[in-house]
C-alpha cells in the first residue's frame, strides 16, 4: 500500500513539474529564466521611500527691481483705493513729511475728480540705494503721460521719494 501511495505522490509531483515547465517555456525555446526574472521583479519589495524632515530652503528674496515694481504697484493700488495711510507709508520720510494738510487734500480731490490711474513701468535704473523708474501713467480723465519717479531704499525697503 505504501508503494501505491508513493507512486501517486510521485505522479502528482511529476504532473506539477510538467505544468510549471510548460508554463515557463515559450515558443522560441527560451527557458523559465525569463519568466522567473519577471516574477521575481514583480514580487520584489519596493524600495522604501524616504521622507525628509528638513524643510525646503526659503525662496531667494526678490531682486531690487522686483521690489521696486512691487512698491509702485502698491503705491498705485493705495492711490486708486483711496487708502491714504498706505499711500503715505510707501513714501520716503522726507516726502511723507510734506504730504500732509493741504497737499494731501489736493491729492484726495484730484483722485476723486480724475478717477483711476494705471501705471506701466518702462524702465528701472538702480544706483545703490536710489532708483528712477520711467513709467507711463494713464488716467481716466487726463489721459496718458510719461513720468520719472525717484525711489530710495530705506530700512523698510523701497519708497517713492519725489522732491517737491
Protein backbone atom coordinates (compact mmCIF):
# COMPACT_ATOMS: atom_id res chain seq x y z
CA UNK A 1 0.00 0.00 0.00
CA UNK A 2 2.83 2.33 0.74
CA UNK A 3 4.14 1.83 -2.75
CA UNK A 4 0.84 2.80 -4.30
CA UNK A 5 0.67 5.99 -2.25
CA UNK A 6 4.27 6.83 -3.12
CA UNK A 7 3.56 6.16 -6.76
CA UNK A 8 0.50 8.52 -6.76
CA UNK A 9 2.52 11.21 -4.97
CA UNK A 10 5.33 10.81 -7.49
CA UNK A 11 2.88 11.11 -10.38
CA UNK A 12 1.34 14.21 -8.76
CA UNK A 13 4.75 15.84 -8.32
CA UNK A 14 5.70 15.00 -11.89
CA UNK A 15 2.44 16.48 -13.20
CA UNK A 16 3.02 19.68 -11.28
CA UNK A 17 6.60 19.90 -12.58
CA UNK A 18 5.42 19.39 -16.16
CA UNK A 19 2.81 22.13 -15.73
CA UNK A 20 5.39 24.53 -14.29
CA UNK A 21 7.93 23.80 -17.02
CA UNK A 22 5.29 24.09 -19.74
CA UNK A 23 4.07 27.39 -18.33
CA UNK A 24 7.59 28.79 -18.19
CA UNK A 25 8.70 27.87 -21.68
CA UNK A 26 7.91 29.77 -24.85
CA UNK A 27 7.60 29.01 -28.50
CA UNK A 28 11.03 30.46 -29.22
CA UNK A 29 12.69 27.93 -26.96
CA UNK A 30 13.63 30.30 -24.14
CA UNK A 31 13.73 28.82 -20.71
CA UNK A 32 11.97 29.58 -17.50
CA UNK A 33 14.68 32.09 -16.64
CA UNK A 34 12.85 34.92 -18.39
CA UNK A 35 9.58 34.27 -16.55
CA UNK A 36 11.35 33.70 -13.26
CA UNK A 37 13.10 37.06 -13.59
CA UNK A 38 9.81 38.79 -14.33
CA UNK A 39 8.11 37.02 -11.45
CA UNK A 40 10.93 37.93 -9.09
CA UNK A 41 10.81 41.58 -10.16
CA UNK A 42 7.05 41.66 -9.72
CA UNK A 43 7.22 40.21 -6.22
CA UNK A 44 10.33 42.04 -5.01
CA UNK A 45 9.55 44.57 -2.30
CA UNK A 46 9.58 48.18 -3.41
CA UNK A 47 12.44 50.34 -2.28
CA UNK A 48 11.47 52.18 0.87
CA UNK A 49 10.52 55.78 0.36
CA UNK A 50 12.40 58.29 2.41
CA UNK A 51 10.67 61.25 3.90
CA UNK A 52 12.91 64.14 4.71
CA UNK A 53 12.03 66.10 7.80
CA UNK A 54 14.09 69.04 6.60
CA UNK A 55 12.11 71.99 5.32
CA UNK A 56 12.93 73.13 1.81
CA UNK A 57 15.14 76.20 1.67
CA UNK A 58 13.30 79.51 1.56
CA UNK A 59 12.96 81.15 -1.83
CA UNK A 60 15.54 83.81 -2.62
CA UNK A 61 14.46 87.36 -1.87
CA UNK A 62 13.03 89.31 -4.79
CA UNK A 63 15.50 91.37 -6.81
CA UNK A 64 15.75 95.12 -6.25
CA UNK A 65 13.90 95.69 -9.50
CA UNK A 66 11.06 93.39 -8.43
CA UNK A 67 10.86 95.09 -5.03
CA UNK A 68 10.66 98.48 -6.78
CA UNK A 69 7.92 97.24 -9.11
CA UNK A 70 6.02 95.83 -6.11
CA UNK A 71 6.36 99.18 -4.29
CA UNK A 72 4.98 101.11 -7.27
CA UNK A 73 2.13 98.64 -7.68
CA UNK A 74 1.20 99.03 -4.00
CA UNK A 75 1.52 102.83 -4.32
CA UNK A 76 -0.85 102.84 -7.29
CA UNK A 77 -3.29 100.49 -5.54
CA UNK A 78 -3.30 102.70 -2.43
CA UNK A 79 -4.00 105.78 -4.57
CA UNK A 80 -6.78 104.12 -6.57
CA UNK A 81 -8.45 102.64 -3.48
CA UNK A 82 -8.02 105.94 -1.61
CA UNK A 83 -6.12 104.20 1.19
CA UNK A 84 -4.21 107.32 2.17
CA UNK A 85 -2.42 105.76 5.16
CA UNK A 86 -0.94 103.06 2.89
CA UNK A 87 -0.20 105.68 0.21
CA UNK A 88 1.83 107.77 2.66
CA UNK A 89 3.51 104.69 4.16
CA UNK A 90 5.02 103.98 0.72
CA UNK A 91 6.71 107.41 0.66
CA UNK A 92 10.19 108.13 1.96
CA UNK A 93 10.21 110.08 5.26
CA UNK A 94 11.04 113.46 3.67
CA UNK A 95 8.20 113.16 1.14
CA UNK A 96 5.78 111.90 3.79
CA UNK A 97 6.54 114.98 5.93
CA UNK A 98 5.46 117.25 3.06
CA UNK A 99 2.37 115.24 2.09
CA UNK A 100 0.14 116.48 4.88
CA UNK A 101 -2.65 119.01 5.22
CA UNK A 102 -3.42 120.93 2.04
CA UNK A 103 -1.15 118.79 -0.17
CA UNK A 104 -2.99 115.60 0.83
CA UNK A 105 -6.31 117.43 0.44
CA UNK A 106 -5.27 118.25 -3.14
CA UNK A 107 -4.26 114.61 -3.79
CA UNK A 108 -7.64 113.42 -2.48
CA UNK A 109 -9.54 115.93 -4.64
CA UNK A 110 -7.51 115.02 -7.73
CA UNK A 111 -8.19 111.32 -7.18
CA UNK A 112 -11.92 111.94 -6.70
CA UNK A 113 -12.26 114.05 -9.85
CA UNK A 114 -9.75 112.36 -12.18
CA UNK A 115 -10.57 108.73 -11.42
CA UNK A 116 -8.33 105.67 -11.54
CA UNK A 117 -4.74 105.67 -12.71
CA UNK A 118 -2.81 102.76 -14.18
CA UNK A 119 0.96 102.58 -14.41
CA UNK A 120 3.15 100.67 -16.86
CA UNK A 121 6.81 100.55 -15.87
CA UNK A 122 9.01 101.18 -18.91
CA UNK A 123 12.47 101.26 -17.31
CA UNK A 124 14.11 100.89 -13.90
CA UNK A 125 17.54 102.39 -13.24
CA UNK A 126 19.09 101.47 -9.90
CA UNK A 127 22.14 103.20 -8.45
CA UNK A 128 22.94 101.90 -4.98
CA UNK A 129 20.07 102.85 -2.67
CA UNK A 130 18.32 105.08 -5.19
CA UNK A 131 16.35 104.31 -8.31
CA UNK A 132 14.49 106.12 -11.05
CA UNK A 133 11.52 104.48 -12.71
CA UNK A 134 10.24 105.69 -16.04
CA UNK A 135 6.55 104.84 -16.20
CA UNK A 136 3.61 105.53 -18.42
CA UNK A 137 0.66 106.67 -16.34
CA UNK A 138 -2.82 106.55 -17.79
CA UNK A 139 -5.63 108.31 -16.01
CA UNK A 140 -9.36 108.05 -16.76
CA UNK A 141 -9.73 111.82 -17.12
CA UNK A 142 -6.35 113.26 -18.01
CA UNK A 143 -5.06 110.59 -20.40
CA UNK A 144 -1.51 109.26 -20.64
CA UNK A 145 1.77 110.82 -19.53
CA UNK A 146 5.31 109.52 -19.11
CA UNK A 147 6.81 110.27 -15.70
CA UNK A 148 10.09 109.62 -13.89
CA UNK A 149 9.57 108.51 -10.30
CA UNK A 150 12.54 108.55 -7.91
CA UNK A 151 12.71 105.94 -5.16
CA UNK A 152 15.05 105.37 -2.23
CA UNK A 153 15.82 102.24 -0.25
CA UNK A 154 15.33 102.62 3.49
CA UNK A 155 15.11 100.25 6.44
CA UNK A 156 11.60 99.22 5.35
CA UNK A 157 12.51 98.67 1.69
CA UNK A 158 11.95 100.86 -1.35
CA UNK A 159 9.82 104.02 -1.11
CA UNK A 160 8.67 106.69 -3.55
CA UNK A 161 10.71 109.81 -2.86
CA UNK A 162 9.78 112.77 -5.08
CA UNK A 163 11.24 116.15 -4.19
CA UNK A 164 8.53 118.80 -4.01
